[in-house]
């Protein structure tokens, strides 16, 4: 982690956690994402899964560990020493199913098997599979798959973080929308309080009828009610956002009400580096989307399983060869002549099921799993492409709607000001002013909704391409 990122986190945590109760603080989208990446339990759980997958690699490699073993036995019956037997051995598995081993034998007694060598002897041997397990066996398959699963754990983390950040940013923009809407209504309450005071003063001076005070009070009360509603929405939106904010010590953090969105929320600078070119997003997603990459790794693991299952169709032919030596003169016996001439022992084992029922069934099932996974991958690819195109179309439409509704709101504002001017010139009524004001408020609320949805859609466009990590 670079120093700049660490400093950013320290500043964020200091402003949000340490001084949350002292003064109003602000929170922007990138700060939310940085906190989620750093402290959220899902991210930490994904890191644990990565560590566990690395442990699985070590576990799979255990199948290739050299093995030191010793066998000792003795039999005495009715005072007769049948045999004393001790045989230490070391066996070294190798990659291609071949096993190399070496050991000593010390056999003494009065009732030995004639095929056994009395006294001390030594041997060096090799075991080779000639058909089944030569190209692939369980040890190699498990190790290769463990490496694939370790990489998959990293990709699964990216997919989980991508979804988690999208959920967090969606909660953030709902929080921003609730706060900005609340502020708009709050400002309208202040304006109508002043207007009510002016109307009352005009009534006292005999300039306006008493019914105008009722009209002004009713408008004020309507805005006060809306203020209460939006205040509740802002509080609840803060609670929803708090679900993604955690402290460094794994404790949940409830966002205080004195933390609010940045005042320049309409100038979201973090999106300047976002890729919003449709063809580029489709290409990036096809190559690097974590959910599609997971299918690639699944297919790789299934291909290994297919190779392993194919071994069940082959006959089992195992060849063992031991070079023997009396006492500890093994090297001398090796140098005295060629193999299979003297001082040797070999064995050949052949085995094959006559119908190969299990082998054919397992191999067919492995092929079907690959076909099934490929179909699922194609469906996921189409789903991702459609999702990217959908968000792209929504993003273009929202840009147009924001431009249109900005002009609409400005027009409503002009109508409100014009109606107010006519009112104080005695050419209009308070009812018309209130009507114009309500329309302007609806337009502004709609504009806030469009803008927050626009920013959320830009992040959703990155998410659909798998870029929120």
Protein backbone atom coordinates (compact mmCIF):
# COMPACT_ATOMS: atom_id res chain seq x y z
CA UNK A 1 0.00 0.00 0.00
CA UNK A 2 1.51 3.38 -1.02
CA UNK A 3 2.00 6.25 1.38
CA UNK A 4 -0.55 8.46 -0.35
CA UNK A 5 -3.30 5.87 0.18
CA UNK A 6 -2.36 5.43 3.83
CA UNK A 7 -2.47 9.20 4.41
CA UNK A 8 -5.89 9.34 2.73
CA UNK A 9 -7.28 6.67 5.02
CA UNK A 10 -5.85 8.35 8.09
CA UNK A 11 -7.45 11.66 7.11
CA UNK A 12 -10.79 10.00 6.40
CA UNK A 13 -10.85 8.03 9.62
CA UNK A 14 -9.76 11.05 11.63
CA UNK A 15 -12.45 13.28 10.15
CA UNK A 16 -15.21 10.68 10.38
CA UNK A 17 -14.50 8.75 13.57
CA UNK A 18 -12.37 10.84 15.91
CA UNK A 19 -14.09 14.18 15.43
CA UNK A 20 -17.55 13.08 14.34
CA UNK A 21 -19.20 14.58 17.39
CA UNK A 22 -17.36 17.92 17.38
CA UNK A 23 -18.41 19.65 14.16
CA UNK A 24 -20.06 19.06 10.81
CA UNK A 25 -17.90 16.91 8.57
CA UNK A 26 -18.33 15.94 4.93
CA UNK A 27 -18.12 12.66 3.08
CA UNK A 28 -17.72 12.08 -0.65
CA UNK A 29 -18.04 9.02 -2.87
CA UNK A 30 -14.35 8.15 -3.08
CA UNK A 31 -13.96 8.36 0.68
CA UNK A 32 -16.83 5.91 1.09
CA UNK A 33 -15.23 3.49 -1.36
CA UNK A 34 -11.84 3.81 0.32
CA UNK A 35 -13.34 3.01 3.72
CA UNK A 36 -15.23 0.02 2.34
CA UNK A 37 -12.12 -1.36 0.63
CA UNK A 38 -10.11 -0.98 3.80
CA UNK A 39 -12.38 -2.01 6.67
CA UNK A 40 -15.48 -3.87 5.46
CA UNK A 41 -15.73 -7.47 6.79
CA UNK A 42 -16.53 -8.91 3.35
CA UNK A 43 -13.20 -7.62 2.03
CA UNK A 44 -11.37 -9.08 5.02
CA UNK A 45 -13.20 -12.40 4.61
CA UNK A 46 -12.16 -12.50 0.96
CA UNK A 47 -8.54 -11.95 2.02
CA UNK A 48 -8.87 -14.86 4.45
CA UNK A 49 -10.14 -17.07 1.62
CA UNK A 50 -7.06 -16.15 -0.41
CA UNK A 51 -4.81 -17.16 2.47
CA UNK A 52 -6.74 -20.43 2.90
CA UNK A 53 -6.30 -21.23 -0.79
CA UNK A 54 -2.55 -20.76 -0.44
CA UNK A 55 -2.58 -23.19 2.45
CA UNK A 56 -4.41 -25.66 0.20
CA UNK A 57 -1.48 -25.49 -2.23
CA UNK A 58 0.88 -26.47 0.57
CA UNK A 59 -1.50 -29.28 1.48
CA UNK A 60 -1.53 -30.57 -2.11
CA UNK A 61 2.26 -30.44 -2.27
CA UNK A 62 2.37 -32.73 0.75
CA UNK A 63 1.64 -35.62 -1.61
CA UNK A 64 5.12 -35.11 -3.08
CA UNK A 65 6.95 -35.05 0.26
CA UNK A 66 9.66 -37.70 0.73
CA UNK A 67 8.55 -40.39 3.18
CA UNK A 68 10.86 -42.06 5.67
CA UNK A 69 9.46 -45.31 7.06
CA UNK A 70 10.63 -48.28 9.06
CA UNK A 71 9.08 -51.71 9.46
CA UNK A 72 10.20 -53.99 12.27
CA UNK A 73 8.86 -57.44 13.15
CA UNK A 74 9.91 -60.47 15.28
CA UNK A 75 8.43 -63.93 15.91
CA UNK A 76 9.36 -66.42 18.64
CA UNK A 77 7.28 -69.55 19.32
CA UNK A 78 8.12 -72.30 21.80
CA UNK A 79 11.65 -70.98 22.14
CA UNK A 80 12.23 -70.97 18.39
CA UNK A 81 13.33 -67.67 16.85
CA UNK A 82 11.40 -67.66 13.60
CA UNK A 83 12.62 -64.28 12.38
CA UNK A 84 13.85 -60.83 13.29
CA UNK A 85 13.06 -58.28 10.58
CA UNK A 86 13.86 -54.57 10.30
CA UNK A 87 13.70 -52.48 7.15
CA UNK A 88 14.15 -48.68 7.07
CA UNK A 89 13.23 -47.07 3.73
CA UNK A 90 13.00 -43.63 2.14
CA UNK A 91 10.63 -43.06 -0.81
CA UNK A 92 10.64 -39.95 -3.01
CA UNK A 93 7.56 -39.31 -5.22
CA UNK A 94 8.29 -37.45 -8.44
CA UNK A 95 6.09 -35.45 -10.80
CA UNK A 96 5.34 -38.03 -13.51
CA UNK A 97 3.97 -40.68 -11.17
CA UNK A 98 7.40 -42.23 -10.80
CA UNK A 99 8.54 -43.11 -7.32
CA UNK A 100 12.17 -43.59 -6.34
CA UNK A 101 13.01 -45.41 -3.14
CA UNK A 102 15.94 -46.93 -1.29
CA UNK A 103 16.30 -48.95 1.89
CA UNK A 104 17.99 -51.61 3.97
CA UNK A 105 16.82 -55.02 5.12
CA UNK A 106 18.16 -56.99 8.06
CA UNK A 107 16.62 -60.46 8.41
CA UNK A 108 17.76 -63.13 10.86
CA UNK A 109 16.10 -66.23 12.30
CA UNK A 110 15.70 -70.00 12.01
CA UNK A 111 12.50 -70.21 10.01
CA UNK A 112 12.97 -67.72 7.16
CA UNK A 113 11.07 -67.75 3.87
CA UNK A 114 13.43 -69.19 1.22
CA UNK A 115 12.72 -66.17 -1.02
CA UNK A 116 14.07 -63.83 1.65
CA UNK A 117 17.72 -62.85 1.85
CA UNK A 118 19.25 -63.73 5.18
CA UNK A 119 21.39 -61.12 6.89
CA UNK A 120 21.78 -57.52 5.86
CA UNK A 121 21.02 -56.33 2.35
CA UNK A 122 20.30 -53.05 0.61
CA UNK A 123 18.27 -52.00 -2.38
CA UNK A 124 17.58 -49.08 -4.65
CA UNK A 125 14.38 -49.14 -6.67
CA UNK A 126 12.02 -47.33 -8.98
CA UNK A 127 8.30 -47.70 -9.59
CA UNK A 128 6.90 -46.55 -12.95
CA UNK A 129 3.26 -46.46 -14.16
CA UNK A 130 3.32 -47.43 -17.85
CA UNK A 131 -0.30 -46.54 -18.74
CA UNK A 132 -2.74 -45.34 -16.11
CA UNK A 133 -1.40 -42.46 -13.94
CA UNK A 134 1.55 -41.80 -16.24
CA UNK A 135 0.22 -38.57 -17.81
CA UNK A 136 -1.99 -37.55 -14.87
CA UNK A 137 -2.68 -38.84 -11.40
CA UNK A 138 -4.52 -37.58 -8.33
CA UNK A 139 -1.46 -35.99 -6.77
CA UNK A 140 -0.68 -33.86 -9.81
CA UNK A 141 -4.36 -33.09 -10.44
CA UNK A 142 -4.93 -31.88 -6.88
CA UNK A 143 -1.83 -29.69 -6.93
CA UNK A 144 -2.67 -28.12 -10.28
CA UNK A 145 -6.25 -27.53 -9.21
CA UNK A 146 -5.11 -26.07 -5.88
CA UNK A 147 -3.05 -23.49 -7.79
CA UNK A 148 -6.05 -22.67 -9.98
CA UNK A 149 -8.33 -22.38 -6.94
CA UNK A 150 -5.80 -20.03 -5.31
CA UNK A 151 -5.98 -17.72 -8.32
CA UNK A 152 -9.76 -18.10 -8.31
CA UNK A 153 -9.84 -16.92 -4.69
CA UNK A 154 -8.20 -13.67 -5.76
CA UNK A 155 -10.66 -13.26 -8.64
CA UNK A 156 -13.58 -14.09 -6.34
CA UNK A 157 -12.36 -11.34 -4.04
CA UNK A 158 -12.39 -8.90 -6.97
CA UNK A 159 -15.93 -9.96 -7.87
CA UNK A 160 -17.10 -9.63 -4.26
CA UNK A 161 -15.47 -6.21 -3.88
CA UNK A 162 -16.95 -5.08 -7.20
CA UNK A 163 -20.48 -5.94 -5.99
CA UNK A 164 -19.86 -4.58 -2.50
CA UNK A 165 -18.62 -1.22 -3.76
CA UNK A 166 -21.60 -0.91 -6.07
CA UNK A 167 -23.99 -1.52 -3.18
CA UNK A 168 -22.11 1.02 -1.08
CA UNK A 169 -22.10 3.69 -3.80
CA UNK A 170 -25.82 3.14 -4.41
CA UNK A 171 -26.48 3.71 -0.69
CA UNK A 172 -24.24 6.80 -0.83
CA UNK A 173 -26.15 8.48 -3.68
CA UNK A 174 -29.48 7.74 -2.02
CA UNK A 175 -28.05 9.43 1.06
CA UNK A 176 -26.94 12.43 -1.03
CA UNK A 177 -30.35 12.66 -2.70
CA UNK A 178 -32.13 12.58 0.65
CA UNK A 179 -29.87 15.29 2.10
CA UNK A 180 -30.09 17.62 -0.89
CA UNK A 181 -33.87 17.25 -1.09
CA UNK A 182 -34.11 17.95 2.63
CA UNK A 183 -32.00 21.10 2.20
CA UNK A 184 -34.19 22.34 -0.66
CA UNK A 185 -37.34 21.98 1.38
CA UNK A 186 -35.60 23.50 4.40
CA UNK A 187 -34.73 26.57 2.31
CA UNK A 188 -38.33 26.77 1.10
CA UNK A 189 -39.50 26.68 4.71
CA UNK A 190 -37.26 29.65 5.50
CA UNK A 191 -38.53 31.54 2.45
CA UNK A 192 -42.16 30.89 3.36
CA UNK A 193 -41.59 31.93 6.97
CA UNK A 194 -40.39 35.29 5.69
CA UNK A 195 -43.29 35.47 3.22
CA UNK A 196 -45.80 34.72 5.98
CA UNK A 197 -44.32 37.50 8.09
CA UNK A 198 -44.62 39.94 5.16
CA UNK A 199 -48.20 38.88 4.45
CA UNK A 200 -49.17 39.33 8.11
CA UNK A 201 -47.57 42.76 8.10
CA UNK A 202 -49.45 43.66 4.92
CA UNK A 203 -52.69 42.43 6.52
CA UNK A 204 -52.10 44.53 9.62
CA UNK A 205 -51.46 47.53 7.40
CA UNK A 206 -54.72 46.84 5.57
CA UNK A 207 -52.96 46.07 2.31
CA UNK A 208 -54.02 42.37 2.01
CA UNK A 209 -57.09 40.37 3.04
CA UNK A 210 -57.00 38.02 6.01
CA UNK A 211 -57.41 34.97 3.77
CA UNK A 212 -53.91 35.58 2.37
CA UNK A 213 -52.42 34.90 5.80
CA UNK A 214 -54.21 31.53 5.79
CA UNK A 215 -52.88 30.86 2.28
CA UNK A 216 -49.32 31.69 3.33
CA UNK A 217 -49.58 29.67 6.55
CA UNK A 218 -50.97 26.65 4.68
CA UNK A 219 -48.07 26.76 2.21
CA UNK A 220 -45.58 27.02 5.08
CA UNK A 221 -47.13 24.11 6.93
CA UNK A 222 -47.05 22.02 3.78
CA UNK A 223 -43.31 22.64 3.42
CA UNK A 224 -42.74 21.99 7.13
CA UNK A 225 -44.43 18.63 6.74
CA UNK A 226 -42.24 17.80 3.76
CA UNK A 227 -39.21 18.90 5.74
CA UNK A 228 -40.05 16.37 8.44
CA UNK A 229 -40.55 13.64 5.84
CA UNK A 230 -37.23 14.33 4.12
CA UNK A 231 -35.43 14.64 7.45
CA UNK A 232 -36.59 11.11 8.25
CA UNK A 233 -35.49 9.90 4.81
CA UNK A 234 -32.05 11.44 5.35
CA UNK A 235 -31.68 9.76 8.74
CA UNK A 236 -32.71 6.38 7.38
CA UNK A 237 -30.49 6.78 4.32
CA UNK A 238 -27.60 7.46 6.70
CA UNK A 239 -28.37 4.22 8.51
CA UNK A 240 -28.38 2.34 5.20
CA UNK A 241 -25.01 3.84 4.32
CA UNK A 242 -23.67 2.97 7.77
CA UNK A 243 -24.03 -0.71 6.89
CA UNK A 244 -20.93 -0.29 4.68
CA UNK A 245 -18.86 1.82 7.08
CA UNK A 246 -16.73 -0.03 9.60
CA UNK A 247 -13.95 0.89 11.98
CA UNK A 248 -10.45 -0.53 11.86
CA UNK A 249 -11.09 -2.74 14.90
CA UNK A 250 -13.96 -4.58 13.12
CA UNK A 251 -16.64 -2.57 14.88
CA UNK A 252 -19.64 -1.22 12.92
CA UNK A 253 -19.89 2.56 12.56
CA UNK A 254 -23.18 4.46 12.68
CA UNK A 255 -22.95 7.61 10.59
CA UNK A 256 -23.73 10.67 12.76
CA UNK A 257 -26.22 13.24 11.50
CA UNK A 258 -23.54 15.94 11.56
CA UNK A 259 -21.71 14.20 8.70
CA UNK A 260 -23.18 15.35 5.41
CA UNK A 261 -22.30 15.09 1.70
CA UNK A 262 -19.80 17.55 0.27
CA UNK A 263 -21.29 20.83 -0.88
CA UNK A 264 -19.79 20.41 -4.39
CA UNK A 265 -21.42 17.01 -4.88
CA UNK A 266 -22.50 18.06 -8.39
CA UNK A 267 -18.84 18.27 -9.43
CA UNK A 268 -17.87 14.65 -8.81
CA UNK A 269 -14.20 14.64 -9.82
CA UNK A 270 -13.54 10.93 -9.33
CA UNK A 271 -15.55 10.06 -12.43
CA UNK A 272 -13.18 12.00 -14.68
CA UNK A 273 -10.91 8.96 -14.91
CA UNK A 274 -13.75 6.54 -15.62
CA UNK A 275 -13.94 4.83 -18.99
CA UNK A 276 -17.35 5.54 -20.54
CA UNK A 277 -16.66 4.37 -24.11
CA UNK A 278 -19.08 1.54 -24.84
CA UNK A 279 -16.84 -0.52 -27.15
CA UNK A 280 -13.93 -0.23 -24.73
CA UNK A 281 -16.08 -1.28 -21.76
CA UNK A 282 -17.42 -4.29 -23.64
CA UNK A 283 -13.89 -5.35 -24.58
CA UNK A 284 -12.55 -4.85 -21.04
CA UNK A 285 -15.42 -6.81 -19.56
CA UNK A 286 -14.98 -9.68 -22.01
CA UNK A 287 -11.30 -10.00 -21.10
CA UNK A 288 -11.11 -8.99 -17.45
CA UNK A 289 -14.52 -9.17 -15.79
CA UNK A 290 -13.93 -11.23 -12.63
CA UNK A 291 -17.11 -13.27 -13.06
CA UNK A 292 -16.05 -14.30 -16.57
CA UNK A 293 -12.52 -15.01 -15.38
CA UNK A 294 -13.95 -17.33 -12.75
CA UNK A 295 -15.52 -19.41 -15.49
CA UNK A 296 -12.18 -19.57 -17.30
CA UNK A 297 -10.50 -20.93 -14.19
CA UNK A 298 -13.38 -23.34 -13.60
CA UNK A 299 -12.91 -24.67 -17.12
CA UNK A 300 -9.17 -25.05 -16.50
CA UNK A 301 -9.88 -27.05 -13.33
CA UNK A 302 -12.45 -29.18 -15.18
CA UNK A 303 -9.96 -29.84 -17.98
CA UNK A 304 -7.55 -31.25 -15.39
CA UNK A 305 -10.36 -33.35 -13.96
CA UNK A 306 -11.13 -34.61 -17.47
CA UNK A 307 -7.50 -35.72 -17.92
CA UNK A 308 -7.66 -37.48 -14.58
CA UNK A 309 -10.90 -39.25 -15.43
CA UNK A 310 -9.44 -40.37 -18.78
CA UNK A 311 -6.85 -42.35 -16.82
CA UNK A 312 -9.68 -44.64 -15.65
CA UNK A 313 -10.03 -45.82 -19.27
CA UNK A 314 -6.42 -47.01 -19.37
CA UNK A 315 -5.11 -50.30 -18.03
CA UNK A 316 -3.08 -50.19 -14.86
CA UNK A 317 0.43 -51.37 -15.71
CA UNK A 318 2.95 -50.77 -12.92
CA UNK A 319 6.58 -51.73 -13.23
CA UNK A 320 8.94 -51.99 -10.25
CA UNK A 321 12.67 -52.58 -10.39
CA UNK A 322 15.05 -53.04 -7.44
CA UNK A 323 18.81 -53.13 -7.63
CA UNK A 324 20.00 -55.34 -4.79
CA UNK A 325 23.18 -55.50 -2.78
CA UNK A 326 24.47 -57.68 0.02
CA UNK A 327 25.20 -55.78 3.22
CA UNK A 328 25.99 -52.19 2.17
CA UNK A 329 27.70 -52.95 -1.14
CA UNK A 330 24.83 -51.66 -3.32
CA UNK A 331 27.09 -49.40 -5.37
CA UNK A 332 29.42 -52.30 -6.11
CA UNK A 333 26.60 -54.44 -7.46
CA UNK A 334 25.42 -51.63 -9.71
CA UNK A 335 28.90 -51.21 -11.21
CA UNK A 336 29.57 -54.93 -11.78
CA UNK A 337 27.18 -55.39 -14.70
CA UNK A 338 24.18 -54.14 -16.61
CA UNK A 339 20.64 -54.10 -15.28
CA UNK A 340 18.57 -57.30 -15.42
CA UNK A 341 21.70 -59.43 -15.33
CA UNK A 342 22.45 -59.92 -11.66
CA UNK A 343 21.47 -58.60 -8.23
CA UNK A 344 18.05 -57.38 -9.27
CA UNK A 345 14.38 -57.86 -8.57
CA UNK A 346 11.47 -56.67 -10.69
CA UNK A 347 7.72 -56.95 -10.84
CA UNK A 348 5.07 -56.11 -13.42
CA UNK A 349 1.41 -55.74 -12.52
CA UNK A 350 -1.40 -55.52 -15.08
CA UNK A 351 -5.00 -54.70 -14.20
CA UNK A 352 -8.02 -53.51 -16.20
CA UNK A 353 -11.79 -53.64 -15.61
CA UNK A 354 -13.37 -55.62 -18.43
CA UNK A 355 -16.30 -53.27 -19.01
CA UNK A 356 -14.71 -49.97 -17.92
CA UNK A 357 -18.13 -48.88 -16.62
CA UNK A 358 -16.83 -46.47 -13.98
CA UNK A 359 -14.17 -45.06 -16.27
CA UNK A 360 -16.61 -44.39 -19.11
CA UNK A 361 -19.17 -42.85 -16.74
CA UNK A 362 -16.66 -40.58 -14.98
CA UNK A 363 -15.12 -39.44 -18.25
CA UNK A 364 -18.52 -38.68 -19.81
CA UNK A 365 -19.55 -36.76 -16.72
CA UNK A 366 -16.34 -34.70 -16.89
CA UNK A 367 -17.13 -33.78 -20.51
CA UNK A 368 -20.70 -32.82 -19.61
CA UNK A 369 -19.47 -30.59 -16.77
CA UNK A 370 -17.24 -28.71 -19.22
CA UNK A 371 -20.16 -28.27 -21.64
CA UNK A 372 -22.41 -27.08 -18.83
CA UNK A 373 -19.84 -24.58 -17.55
CA UNK A 374 -19.21 -23.27 -21.07
CA UNK A 375 -22.94 -22.66 -21.56
CA UNK A 376 -23.14 -20.86 -18.22
CA UNK A 377 -20.16 -18.73 -19.19
CA UNK A 378 -21.78 -17.76 -22.48
CA UNK A 379 -24.97 -16.81 -20.65
CA UNK A 380 -22.99 -14.76 -18.13
CA UNK A 381 -21.09 -13.02 -20.94
CA UNK A 382 -24.35 -12.07 -22.67
CA UNK A 383 -25.84 -10.89 -19.37
CA UNK A 384 -22.81 -8.68 -18.70
CA UNK A 385 -22.86 -7.22 -22.21
CA UNK A 386 -26.56 -6.41 -21.97
CA UNK A 387 -26.05 -4.87 -18.53
CA UNK A 388 -23.25 -2.63 -19.82
CA UNK A 389 -25.33 -1.53 -22.81
CA UNK A 390 -28.34 -0.91 -20.57
CA UNK A 391 -26.41 1.32 -18.17
CA UNK A 392 -24.73 3.07 -21.09
CA UNK A 393 -28.11 3.90 -22.63
CA UNK A 394 -29.36 5.06 -19.24
CA UNK A 395 -26.28 7.25 -18.79
CA UNK A 396 -26.80 8.94 -22.20
CA UNK A 397 -30.49 9.49 -21.48
CA UNK A 398 -29.83 10.95 -18.04
CA UNK A 399 -27.35 13.44 -19.52
CA UNK A 400 -30.06 14.67 -21.87
CA UNK A 401 -32.70 14.72 -19.15
CA UNK A 402 -30.49 16.70 -16.77
CA UNK A 403 -29.83 19.31 -19.45
CA UNK A 404 -33.54 19.52 -20.26
CA UNK A 405 -34.70 19.64 -16.66
CA UNK A 406 -32.10 22.25 -15.71
CA UNK A 407 -33.70 24.55 -18.25
CA UNK A 408 -37.15 23.57 -17.00
CA UNK A 409 -36.21 24.44 -13.43
CA UNK A 410 -34.73 27.78 -14.48
CA UNK A 411 -37.95 28.56 -16.30
CA UNK A 412 -40.01 27.71 -13.21
CA UNK A 413 -37.76 29.96 -11.13
CA UNK A 414 -38.37 32.84 -13.51
CA UNK A 415 -42.11 32.22 -13.30
CA UNK A 416 -41.94 32.28 -9.47
CA UNK A 417 -40.01 35.55 -9.43
CA UNK A 418 -42.33 37.08 -12.02
CA UNK A 419 -45.41 35.99 -10.08
CA UNK A 420 -43.96 37.41 -6.85
CA UNK A 421 -43.35 40.72 -8.60
CA UNK A 422 -46.92 40.76 -9.87
CA UNK A 423 -48.15 39.87 -6.39
CA UNK A 424 -46.52 42.85 -4.72
CA UNK A 425 -47.70 45.04 -7.58
CA UNK A 426 -51.25 43.90 -6.84
CA UNK A 427 -51.61 42.10 -10.18
CA UNK A 428 -51.59 38.48 -8.90
CA UNK A 429 -52.60 36.34 -5.95
CA UNK A 430 -50.72 34.40 -3.29
CA UNK A 431 -52.38 31.24 -4.58
CA UNK A 432 -50.68 31.64 -7.97
CA UNK A 433 -47.32 32.33 -6.28
CA UNK A 434 -47.66 29.20 -4.20
CA UNK A 435 -48.67 27.20 -7.25
CA UNK A 436 -45.62 28.40 -9.18
CA UNK A 437 -43.42 27.73 -6.16
CA UNK A 438 -44.70 24.16 -5.81
CA UNK A 439 -43.96 23.48 -9.46
CA UNK A 440 -40.46 24.90 -9.07
CA UNK A 441 -39.88 22.74 -6.00
CA UNK A 442 -41.06 19.62 -7.84
CA UNK A 443 -38.73 20.46 -10.73
CA UNK A 444 -35.75 20.94 -8.39
CA UNK A 445 -36.46 17.69 -6.56
CA UNK A 446 -36.67 15.92 -9.90
CA UNK A 447 -33.41 17.54 -11.00
CA UNK A 448 -31.66 16.34 -7.82
CA UNK A 449 -33.03 12.87 -8.40
CA UNK A 450 -31.76 12.87 -11.99
CA UNK A 451 -28.30 14.12 -11.00
CA UNK A 452 -27.80 11.59 -8.22
CA UNK A 453 -29.10 8.84 -10.48
CA UNK A 454 -26.70 10.05 -13.18
CA UNK A 455 -23.67 9.68 -10.90
CA UNK A 456 -24.90 6.34 -9.60
CA UNK A 457 -25.31 5.15 -13.21
CA UNK A 458 -21.72 6.13 -14.05
CA UNK A 459 -20.52 3.98 -11.16
CA UNK A 460 -22.94 1.24 -12.24
CA UNK A 461 -21.42 1.37 -15.71
CA UNK A 462 -17.99 0.69 -14.17
CA UNK A 463 -19.47 -2.04 -11.98
CA UNK A 464 -21.14 -3.81 -14.89
CA UNK A 465 -17.74 -3.99 -16.60
CA UNK A 466 -16.15 -5.34 -13.41
CA UNK A 467 -13.99 -2.26 -12.79
CA UNK A 468 -15.03 -1.31 -9.24
CA UNK A 469 -12.25 -2.92 -7.22
